[in-house]
PDB file of N, CA and C in Angstrom:
ATOM      1  N   MET A   1     -11.930 -43.332   6.505  1.00  0.00           N
ATOM      2  CA  MET A   1     -10.672 -43.136   5.864  1.00  0.00           C
ATOM      3  C   MET A   1     -10.648 -41.738   5.105  1.00  0.00           C
ATOM      4  N   LYS A   2     -11.706 -41.443   4.449  1.00  0.00           N
ATOM      5  CA  LYS A   2     -11.789 -40.207   3.682  1.00  0.00           C
ATOM      6  C   LYS A   2     -11.643 -39.022   4.675  1.00  0.00           C
ATOM      7  N   LYS A   3     -12.327 -39.114   5.868  1.00  0.00           N
ATOM      8  CA  LYS A   3     -12.292 -38.086   6.904  1.00  0.00           C
ATOM      9  C   LYS A   3     -10.844 -37.862   7.353  1.00  0.00           C
ATOM     10  N   ILE A   4     -10.136 -38.907   7.528  1.00  0.00           N
ATOM     11  CA  ILE A   4      -8.773 -38.715   8.017  1.00  0.00           C
ATOM     12  C   ILE A   4      -7.967 -38.054   6.984  1.00  0.00           C
ATOM     13  N   ALA A   5      -8.164 -38.411   5.591  1.00  0.00           N
ATOM     14  CA  ALA A   5      -7.295 -37.843   4.585  1.00  0.00           C
ATOM     15  C   ALA A   5      -7.648 -36.374   4.387  1.00  0.00           C
ATOM     16  N   VAL A   6      -8.932 -35.967   4.573  1.00  0.00           N
ATOM     17  CA  VAL A   6      -9.235 -34.534   4.520  1.00  0.00           C
ATOM     18  C   VAL A   6      -8.713 -33.854   5.790  1.00  0.00           C
ATOM     19  N   LEU A   7      -8.806 -34.345   6.846  1.00  0.00           N
ATOM     20  CA  LEU A   7      -8.332 -33.798   8.077  1.00  0.00           C
ATOM     21  C   LEU A   7      -6.840 -33.639   8.074  1.00  0.00           C
ATOM     22  N   MET A   8      -6.051 -34.574   7.427  1.00  0.00           N
ATOM     23  CA  MET A   8      -4.603 -34.435   7.303  1.00  0.00           C
ATOM     24  C   MET A   8      -4.309 -33.342   6.285  1.00  0.00           C
ATOM     25  N   ALA A   9      -5.084 -33.224   5.141  1.00  0.00           N
ATOM     26  CA  ALA A   9      -4.754 -32.176   4.235  1.00  0.00           C
ATOM     27  C   ALA A   9      -4.950 -30.936   4.781  1.00  0.00           C
ATOM     28  N   LEU A  10      -6.077 -30.628   5.461  1.00  0.00           N
ATOM     29  CA  LEU A  10      -6.435 -29.355   6.158  1.00  0.00           C
ATOM     30  C   LEU A  10      -5.325 -29.003   7.129  1.00  0.00           C
ATOM     31  N   THR A  11      -4.887 -29.946   8.009  1.00  0.00           N
ATOM     32  CA  THR A  11      -3.870 -29.690   8.912  1.00  0.00           C
ATOM     33  C   THR A  11      -2.529 -29.252   8.262  1.00  0.00           C
ATOM     34  N   SER A  12      -2.196 -29.926   7.207  1.00  0.00           N
ATOM     35  CA  SER A  12      -0.909 -29.593   6.427  1.00  0.00           C
ATOM     36  C   SER A  12      -1.026 -28.107   5.835  1.00  0.00           C
ATOM     37  N   ILE A  13      -2.182 -27.783   5.446  1.00  0.00           N
ATOM     38  CA  ILE A  13      -2.345 -26.356   4.815  1.00  0.00           C
ATOM     39  C   ILE A  13      -2.193 -25.412   5.941  1.00  0.00           C
ATOM     40  N   VAL A  14      -2.797 -25.648   7.203  1.00  0.00           N
ATOM     41  CA  VAL A  14      -2.585 -24.746   8.260  1.00  0.00           C
ATOM     42  C   VAL A  14      -1.157 -24.695   8.660  1.00  0.00           C
ATOM     43  N   ALA A  15      -0.467 -25.879   8.796  1.00  0.00           N
ATOM     44  CA  ALA A  15       0.904 -25.856   9.231  1.00  0.00           C
ATOM     45  C   ALA A  15       1.784 -25.165   8.305  1.00  0.00           C
ATOM     46  N   VAL A  16       1.543 -25.122   6.996  1.00  0.00           N
ATOM     47  CA  VAL A  16       2.386 -24.324   6.079  1.00  0.00           C
ATOM     48  C   VAL A  16       2.017 -22.949   6.090  1.00  0.00           C
ATOM     49  N   GLY A  17       0.988 -22.464   6.540  1.00  0.00           N
ATOM     50  CA  GLY A  17       0.737 -20.992   6.594  1.00  0.00           C
ATOM     51  C   GLY A  17      -0.607 -20.717   6.057  1.00  0.00           C
ATOM     52  N   GLY A  18      -1.389 -21.620   5.719  1.00  0.00           N
ATOM     53  CA  GLY A  18      -2.799 -21.483   5.218  1.00  0.00           C
ATOM     54  C   GLY A  18      -2.808 -21.014   3.718  1.00  0.00           C
ATOM     55  N   VAL A  19      -3.947 -20.977   3.291  1.00  0.00           N
ATOM     56  CA  VAL A  19      -4.246 -20.475   1.931  1.00  0.00           C
ATOM     57  C   VAL A  19      -4.638 -19.044   2.063  1.00  0.00           C
ATOM     58  N   GLN A  20      -3.756 -18.143   1.391  1.00  0.00           N
ATOM     59  CA  GLN A  20      -4.074 -16.717   1.359  1.00  0.00           C
ATOM     60  C   GLN A  20      -4.341 -16.202  -0.028  1.00  0.00           C
ATOM     61  N   ALA A  21      -5.454 -15.538  -0.157  1.00  0.00           N
ATOM     62  CA  ALA A  21      -5.755 -14.898  -1.426  1.00  0.00           C
ATOM     63  C   ALA A  21      -5.016 -13.469  -1.346  1.00  0.00           C
ATOM     64  N   GLU A  22      -4.432 -13.241  -2.462  1.00  0.00           N
ATOM     65  CA  GLU A  22      -3.821 -11.858  -2.726  1.00  0.00           C
ATOM     66  C   GLU A  22      -4.940 -10.800  -2.838  1.00  0.00           C
ATOM     67  N   SER A  23      -4.742  -9.791  -2.023  1.00  0.00           N
ATOM     68  CA  SER A  23      -5.696  -8.788  -2.118  1.00  0.00           C
ATOM     69  C   SER A  23      -5.279  -7.819  -3.216  1.00  0.00           C
ATOM     70  N   PRO A  24      -6.260  -7.425  -4.034  1.00  0.00           N
ATOM     71  CA  PRO A  24      -5.856  -6.403  -5.037  1.00  0.00           C
ATOM     72  C   PRO A  24      -5.648  -5.022  -4.484  1.00  0.00           C
ATOM     73  N   LYS A  25      -5.924  -4.813  -3.139  1.00  0.00           N
ATOM     74  CA  LYS A  25      -5.784  -3.557  -2.464  1.00  0.00           C
ATOM     75  C   LYS A  25      -4.240  -3.458  -2.086  1.00  0.00           C
ATOM     76  N   ASP A  26      -3.636  -2.205  -2.161  1.00  0.00           N
ATOM     77  CA  ASP A  26      -2.371  -2.001  -1.773  1.00  0.00           C
ATOM     78  C   ASP A  26      -2.379  -1.760  -0.190  1.00  0.00           C
ATOM     79  N   GLU A  27      -2.055  -2.831   0.546  1.00  0.00           N
ATOM     80  CA  GLU A  27      -2.128  -2.713   2.040  1.00  0.00           C
ATOM     81  C   GLU A  27      -1.001  -1.834   2.547  1.00  0.00           C
ATOM     82  N   CYS A  28       0.018  -1.780   1.833  1.00  0.00           N
ATOM     83  CA  CYS A  28       1.209  -0.868   2.276  1.00  0.00           C
ATOM     84  C   CYS A  28       0.652   0.530   2.341  1.00  0.00           C
ATOM     85  N   LEU A  29       0.034   1.012   1.269  1.00  0.00           N
ATOM     86  CA  LEU A  29      -0.463   2.422   1.182  1.00  0.00           C
ATOM     87  C   LEU A  29      -1.585   2.592   2.155  1.00  0.00           C
ATOM     88  N   LEU A  30      -2.501   1.698   2.252  1.00  0.00           N
ATOM     89  CA  LEU A  30      -3.698   1.797   2.997  1.00  0.00           C
ATOM     90  C   LEU A  30      -3.473   1.675   4.546  1.00  0.00           C
ATOM     91  N   TYR A  31      -2.703   0.686   4.970  1.00  0.00           N
ATOM     92  CA  TYR A  31      -2.645   0.308   6.329  1.00  0.00           C
ATOM     93  C   TYR A  31      -1.162   0.305   6.859  1.00  0.00           C
ATOM     94  N   SER A  32      -0.200   0.669   6.020  1.00  0.00           N
ATOM     95  CA  SER A  32       1.232   0.576   6.230  1.00  0.00           C
ATOM     96  C   SER A  32       1.640  -0.840   6.708  1.00  0.00           C
ATOM     97  N   GLU A  33       1.112  -1.878   6.042  1.00  0.00           N
ATOM     98  CA  GLU A  33       1.409  -3.277   6.334  1.00  0.00           C
ATOM     99  C   GLU A  33       1.880  -3.856   5.052  1.00  0.00           C
ATOM    100  N   LYS A  34       2.712  -4.890   5.127  1.00  0.00           N
ATOM    101  CA  LYS A  34       3.308  -5.598   4.020  1.00  0.00           C
ATOM    102  C   LYS A  34       4.127  -4.650   3.164  1.00  0.00           C
ATOM    103  N   CYS A  35       4.949  -3.865   3.869  1.00  0.00           N
ATOM    104  CA  CYS A  35       5.756  -2.842   3.175  1.00  0.00           C
ATOM    105  C   CYS A  35       7.240  -3.267   3.097  1.00  0.00           C
ATOM    106  N   ALA A  36       7.522  -4.480   3.386  1.00  0.00           N
ATOM    107  CA  ALA A  36       8.988  -4.880   3.390  1.00  0.00           C
ATOM    108  C   ALA A  36       9.648  -4.518   2.052  1.00  0.00           C
ATOM    109  N   ASN A  37      10.739  -3.953   2.227  1.00  0.00           N
ATOM    110  CA  ASN A  37      11.667  -3.594   1.139  1.00  0.00           C
ATOM    111  C   ASN A  37      10.914  -2.659   0.086  1.00  0.00           C
ATOM    112  N   GLN A  38      10.084  -1.857   0.483  1.00  0.00           N
ATOM    113  CA  GLN A  38       9.415  -0.791  -0.332  1.00  0.00           C
ATOM    114  C   GLN A  38       9.754   0.543   0.069  1.00  0.00           C
ATOM    115  N   ALA A  39      10.738   1.057  -0.591  1.00  0.00           N
ATOM    116  CA  ALA A  39      11.148   2.449  -0.407  1.00  0.00           C
ATOM    117  C   ALA A  39      10.779   3.160  -1.626  1.00  0.00           C
ATOM    118  N   ALA A  40      10.026   4.315  -1.486  1.00  0.00           N
ATOM    119  CA  ALA A  40       9.584   5.067  -2.648  1.00  0.00           C
ATOM    120  C   ALA A  40       9.936   6.557  -2.463  1.00  0.00           C
ATOM    121  N   THR A  41      10.115   7.240  -3.521  1.00  0.00           N
ATOM    122  CA  THR A  41      10.297   8.625  -3.378  1.00  0.00           C
ATOM    123  C   THR A  41       8.896   9.211  -3.242  1.00  0.00           C
ATOM    124  N   LEU A  42       8.828  10.522  -2.808  1.00  0.00           N
ATOM    125  CA  LEU A  42       7.583  11.144  -2.664  1.00  0.00           C
ATOM    126  C   LEU A  42       6.783  11.167  -3.911  1.00  0.00           C
ATOM    127  N   GLN A  43       7.410  11.453  -5.085  1.00  0.00           N
ATOM    128  CA  GLN A  43       6.697  11.432  -6.295  1.00  0.00           C
ATOM    129  C   GLN A  43       6.118  10.039  -6.645  1.00  0.00           C
ATOM    130  N   GLN A  44       6.832   9.036  -6.430  1.00  0.00           N
ATOM    131  CA  GLN A  44       6.371   7.629  -6.601  1.00  0.00           C
ATOM    132  C   GLN A  44       5.213   7.310  -5.749  1.00  0.00           C
ATOM    133  N   ARG A  45       5.221   7.829  -4.406  1.00  0.00           N
ATOM    134  CA  ARG A  45       4.087   7.582  -3.534  1.00  0.00           C
ATOM    135  C   ARG A  45       2.880   8.345  -4.053  1.00  0.00           C
ATOM    136  N   VAL A  46       3.013   9.584  -4.577  1.00  0.00           N
ATOM    137  CA  VAL A  46       1.867  10.278  -5.062  1.00  0.00           C
ATOM    138  C   VAL A  46       1.232   9.509  -6.255  1.00  0.00           C
ATOM    139  N   LYS A  47       2.126   9.112  -7.180  1.00  0.00           N
ATOM    140  CA  LYS A  47       1.600   8.378  -8.349  1.00  0.00           C
ATOM    141  C   LYS A  47       0.936   7.058  -8.026  1.00  0.00           C
ATOM    142  N   LYS A  48       1.509   6.361  -7.035  1.00  0.00           N
ATOM    143  CA  LYS A  48       0.855   5.059  -6.578  1.00  0.00           C
ATOM    144  C   LYS A  48      -0.454   5.274  -5.923  1.00  0.00           C
ATOM    145  N   LEU A  49      -0.538   6.366  -5.144  1.00  0.00           N
ATOM    146  CA  LEU A  49      -1.825   6.678  -4.406  1.00  0.00           C
ATOM    147  C   LEU A  49      -2.916   7.059  -5.480  1.00  0.00           C
ATOM    148  N   GLN A  50      -2.492   7.892  -6.456  1.00  0.00           N
ATOM    149  CA  GLN A  50      -3.402   8.155  -7.558  1.00  0.00           C
ATOM    150  C   GLN A  50      -3.888   6.986  -8.322  1.00  0.00           C
ATOM    151  N   GLN A  51      -3.046   6.001  -8.474  1.00  0.00           N
ATOM    152  CA  GLN A  51      -3.490   4.804  -9.302  1.00  0.00           C
ATOM    153  C   GLN A  51      -4.403   3.988  -8.339  1.00  0.00           C
ATOM    154  N   GLU A  52      -4.203   3.866  -7.067  1.00  0.00           N
ATOM    155  CA  GLU A  52      -5.130   3.178  -6.232  1.00  0.00           C
ATOM    156  C   GLU A  52      -6.390   3.812  -6.088  1.00  0.00           C
ATOM    157  N   ILE A  53      -6.396   5.100  -6.024  1.00  0.00           N
ATOM    158  CA  ILE A  53      -7.733   5.778  -5.990  1.00  0.00           C
ATOM    159  C   ILE A  53      -8.536   5.617  -7.217  1.00  0.00           C
ATOM    160  N   LYS A  54      -7.871   5.509  -8.337  1.00  0.00           N
ATOM    161  CA  LYS A  54      -8.575   5.218  -9.633  1.00  0.00           C
ATOM    162  C   LYS A  54      -9.230   3.861  -9.669  1.00  0.00           C
ATOM    163  N   LYS A  55      -8.674   3.024  -8.976  1.00  0.00           N
ATOM    164  CA  LYS A  55      -9.309   1.564  -8.913  1.00  0.00           C
ATOM    165  C   LYS A  55     -10.620   1.623  -8.211  1.00  0.00           C
ATOM    166  N   GLY A  56     -10.800   2.525  -7.335  1.00  0.00           N
ATOM    167  CA  GLY A  56     -12.053   2.858  -6.690  1.00  0.00           C
ATOM    168  C   GLY A  56     -12.952   1.737  -6.071  1.00  0.00           C
ATOM    169  N   LYS A  57     -13.530   0.937  -6.955  1.00  0.00           N
ATOM    170  CA  LYS A  57     -14.489  -0.072  -6.520  1.00  0.00           C
ATOM    171  C   LYS A  57     -14.008  -1.184  -5.560  1.00  0.00           C
ATOM    172  N   ILE A  58     -12.632  -1.399  -5.656  1.00  0.00           N
ATOM    173  CA  ILE A  58     -12.093  -2.462  -4.740  1.00  0.00           C
ATOM    174  C   ILE A  58     -11.966  -1.904  -3.311  1.00  0.00           C
ATOM    175  N   TYR A  59     -12.055  -0.592  -3.049  1.00  0.00           N
ATOM    176  CA  TYR A  59     -12.046  -0.010  -1.791  1.00  0.00           C
ATOM    177  C   TYR A  59     -13.340   0.369  -1.254  1.00  0.00           C
ATOM    178  N   ASN A  60     -13.591   0.211   0.051  1.00  0.00           N
ATOM    179  CA  ASN A  60     -14.858   0.776   0.625  1.00  0.00           C
ATOM    180  C   ASN A  60     -14.633   2.353   0.758  1.00  0.00           C
ATOM    181  N   PRO A  61     -15.814   3.062   1.085  1.00  0.00           N
ATOM    182  CA  PRO A  61     -15.747   4.517   1.105  1.00  0.00           C
ATOM    183  C   PRO A  61     -14.762   4.977   2.237  1.00  0.00           C
ATOM    184  N   GLN A  62     -14.599   4.360   3.309  1.00  0.00           N
ATOM    185  CA  GLN A  62     -13.659   4.772   4.275  1.00  0.00           C
ATOM    186  C   GLN A  62     -12.205   4.632   3.761  1.00  0.00           C
ATOM    187  N   GLU A  63     -11.927   3.586   3.127  1.00  0.00           N
ATOM    188  CA  GLU A  63     -10.607   3.298   2.608  1.00  0.00           C
ATOM    189  C   GLU A  63     -10.194   4.305   1.620  1.00  0.00           C
ATOM    190  N   LEU A  64     -11.240   4.646   0.661  1.00  0.00           N
ATOM    191  CA  LEU A  64     -10.977   5.618  -0.424  1.00  0.00           C
ATOM    192  C   LEU A  64     -10.544   6.998   0.304  1.00  0.00           C
ATOM    193  N   LYS A  65     -11.405   7.300   1.284  1.00  0.00           N
ATOM    194  CA  LYS A  65     -11.185   8.641   1.935  1.00  0.00           C
ATOM    195  C   LYS A  65      -9.800   8.625   2.689  1.00  0.00           C
ATOM    196  N   LYS A  66      -9.322   7.491   3.222  1.00  0.00           N
ATOM    197  CA  LYS A  66      -8.062   7.426   3.777  1.00  0.00           C
ATOM    198  C   LYS A  66      -6.944   7.650   2.736  1.00  0.00           C
ATOM    199  N   LEU A  67      -7.142   6.923   1.612  1.00  0.00           N
ATOM    200  CA  LEU A  67      -6.213   7.124   0.496  1.00  0.00           C
ATOM    201  C   LEU A  67      -6.172   8.592  -0.011  1.00  0.00           C
ATOM    202  N   GLU A  68      -7.295   9.109  -0.102  1.00  0.00           N
ATOM    203  CA  GLU A  68      -7.359  10.539  -0.594  1.00  0.00           C
ATOM    204  C   GLU A  68      -6.715  11.504   0.374  1.00  0.00           C
ATOM    205  N   MET A  69      -6.832  11.146   1.701  1.00  0.00           N
ATOM    206  CA  MET A  69      -6.198  12.042   2.700  1.00  0.00           C
ATOM    207  C   MET A  69      -4.674  11.847   2.603  1.00  0.00           C
ATOM    208  N   LYS A  70      -4.185  10.572   2.453  1.00  0.00           N
ATOM    209  CA  LYS A  70      -2.839  10.378   2.321  1.00  0.00           C
ATOM    210  C   LYS A  70      -2.241  11.088   1.023  1.00  0.00           C
ATOM    211  N   LEU A  71      -3.014  11.098  -0.023  1.00  0.00           N
ATOM    212  CA  LEU A  71      -2.532  11.767  -1.233  1.00  0.00           C
ATOM    213  C   LEU A  71      -2.458  13.238  -1.022  1.00  0.00           C
ATOM    214  N   LYS A  72      -3.423  13.801  -0.407  1.00  0.00           N
ATOM    215  CA  LYS A  72      -3.365  15.286  -0.076  1.00  0.00           C
ATOM    216  C   LYS A  72      -2.089  15.604   0.784  1.00  0.00           C
ATOM    217  N   GLU A  73      -1.864  14.816   1.813  1.00  0.00           N
ATOM    218  CA  GLU A  73      -0.784  15.041   2.649  1.00  0.00           C
ATOM    219  C   GLU A  73       0.590  14.914   1.870  1.00  0.00           C
ATOM    220  N   ALA A  74       0.758  13.850   0.986  1.00  0.00           N
ATOM    221  CA  ALA A  74       1.913  13.773   0.218  1.00  0.00           C
ATOM    222  C   ALA A  74       2.056  14.919  -0.746  1.00  0.00           C
ATOM    223  N   ASN A  75       0.919  15.338  -1.398  1.00  0.00           N
ATOM    224  CA  ASN A  75       1.083  16.529  -2.302  1.00  0.00           C
ATOM    225  C   ASN A  75       1.436  17.730  -1.550  1.00  0.00           C
ATOM    226  N   ASP A  76       0.843  18.009  -0.334  1.00  0.00           N
ATOM    227  CA  ASP A  76       1.225  19.191   0.467  1.00  0.00           C
ATOM    228  C   ASP A  76       2.771  19.136   0.786  1.00  0.00           C
ATOM    229  N   LEU A  77       3.213  18.001   1.175  1.00  0.00           N
ATOM    230  CA  LEU A  77       4.602  17.787   1.556  1.00  0.00           C
ATOM    231  C   LEU A  77       5.452  18.110   0.321  1.00  0.00           C
ATOM    232  N   LEU A  78       5.118  17.621  -0.718  1.00  0.00           N
ATOM    233  CA  LEU A  78       5.872  17.786  -1.989  1.00  0.00           C
ATOM    234  C   LEU A  78       5.926  19.253  -2.400  1.00  0.00           C
ATOM    235  N   ASN A  79       4.841  19.861  -2.325  1.00  0.00           N
ATOM    236  CA  ASN A  79       4.651  21.270  -2.671  1.00  0.00           C
ATOM    237  C   ASN A  79       5.543  22.195  -1.661  1.00  0.00           C
ATOM    238  N   SER A  80       5.454  21.861  -0.439  1.00  0.00           N
ATOM    239  CA  SER A  80       6.235  22.642   0.566  1.00  0.00           C
ATOM    240  C   SER A  80       7.731  22.509   0.387  1.00  0.00           C
ATOM    241  N   LEU A  81       8.092  21.237  -0.026  1.00  0.00           N
ATOM    242  CA  LEU A  81       9.493  20.972  -0.331  1.00  0.00           C
ATOM    243  C   LEU A  81      10.036  21.762  -1.607  1.00  0.00           C
ATOM    244  N   LYS A  82       9.200  21.725  -2.580  1.00  0.00           N
ATOM    245  CA  LYS A  82       9.400  22.452  -3.829  1.00  0.00           C
ATOM    246  C   LYS A  82       9.573  24.037  -3.536  1.00  0.00           C
ATOM    247  N   SER A  83       8.657  24.487  -2.690  1.00  0.00           N
ATOM    248  CA  SER A  83       8.679  25.962  -2.420  1.00  0.00           C
ATOM    249  C   SER A  83       9.898  26.383  -1.557  1.00  0.00           C
ATOM    250  N   GLU A  84      10.365  25.432  -0.806  1.00  0.00           N
ATOM    251  CA  GLU A  84      11.562  25.723   0.086  1.00  0.00           C
ATOM    252  C   GLU A  84      12.857  25.474  -0.566  1.00  0.00           C
ATOM    253  N   ALA A  85      12.842  24.811  -1.735  1.00  0.00           N
ATOM    254  CA  ALA A  85      14.128  24.516  -2.379  1.00  0.00           C
ATOM    255  C   ALA A  85      14.833  25.731  -2.921  1.00  0.00           C
ATOM    256  N   PRO A  86      16.162  25.871  -2.751  1.00  0.00           N
ATOM    257  CA  PRO A  86      16.826  27.047  -3.269  1.00  0.00           C
ATOM    258  C   PRO A  86      16.804  27.052  -4.782  1.00  0.00           C
ATOM    259  N   SER A  87      16.734  28.355  -5.303  1.00  0.00           N
ATOM    260  CA  SER A  87      16.624  28.412  -6.725  1.00  0.00           C
ATOM    261  C   SER A  87      17.962  28.314  -7.374  1.00  0.00           C
ATOM    262  N   ALA A  88      19.020  28.585  -6.714  1.00  0.00           N
ATOM    263  CA  ALA A  88      20.462  28.472  -7.255  1.00  0.00           C
ATOM    264  C   ALA A  88      21.214  27.424  -6.408  1.00  0.00           C
ATOM    265  N   PRO A  89      22.115  26.779  -6.951  1.00  0.00           N
ATOM    266  CA  PRO A  89      22.982  25.802  -6.217  1.00  0.00           C
ATOM    267  C   PRO A  89      23.830  26.562  -5.287  1.00  0.00           C
ATOM    268  N   ILE A  90      24.004  25.967  -4.036  1.00  0.00           N
ATOM    269  CA  ILE A  90      24.853  26.570  -3.080  1.00  0.00           C
ATOM    270  C   ILE A  90      26.300  26.180  -3.287  1.00  0.00           C
ATOM    271  N   THR A  91      27.227  27.077  -3.338  1.00  0.00           N
ATOM    272  CA  THR A  91      28.685  26.912  -3.648  1.00  0.00           C
ATOM    273  C   THR A  91      29.395  27.348  -2.383  1.00  0.00           C
ATOM    274  N   LYS A  92      30.584  26.720  -2.142  1.00  0.00           N
ATOM    275  CA  LYS A  92      31.383  27.100  -1.053  1.00  0.00           C
ATOM    276  C   LYS A  92      32.466  28.031  -1.565  1.00  0.00           C
TER     277      LYS A  92
END
């Protein structure tokens, strides 16, 4: 009887979607997954990447390198946009 109760409990967990532990890693930044409804400015993305890199120990070396590369790309883009911005407003 115990076996049947345990089997039913496990089956209901699987049917509902399983038990998922929340990862402390930001999977949207790292893998571009679980990004639903997450729109950020370039400055927000840079700040978020810096915060994730500071966490350090939760990421393996390859993941940290990937985050650092994304941070460099975001900073490069931000700097290029700043240098291309007109210094005076355009009037008609």
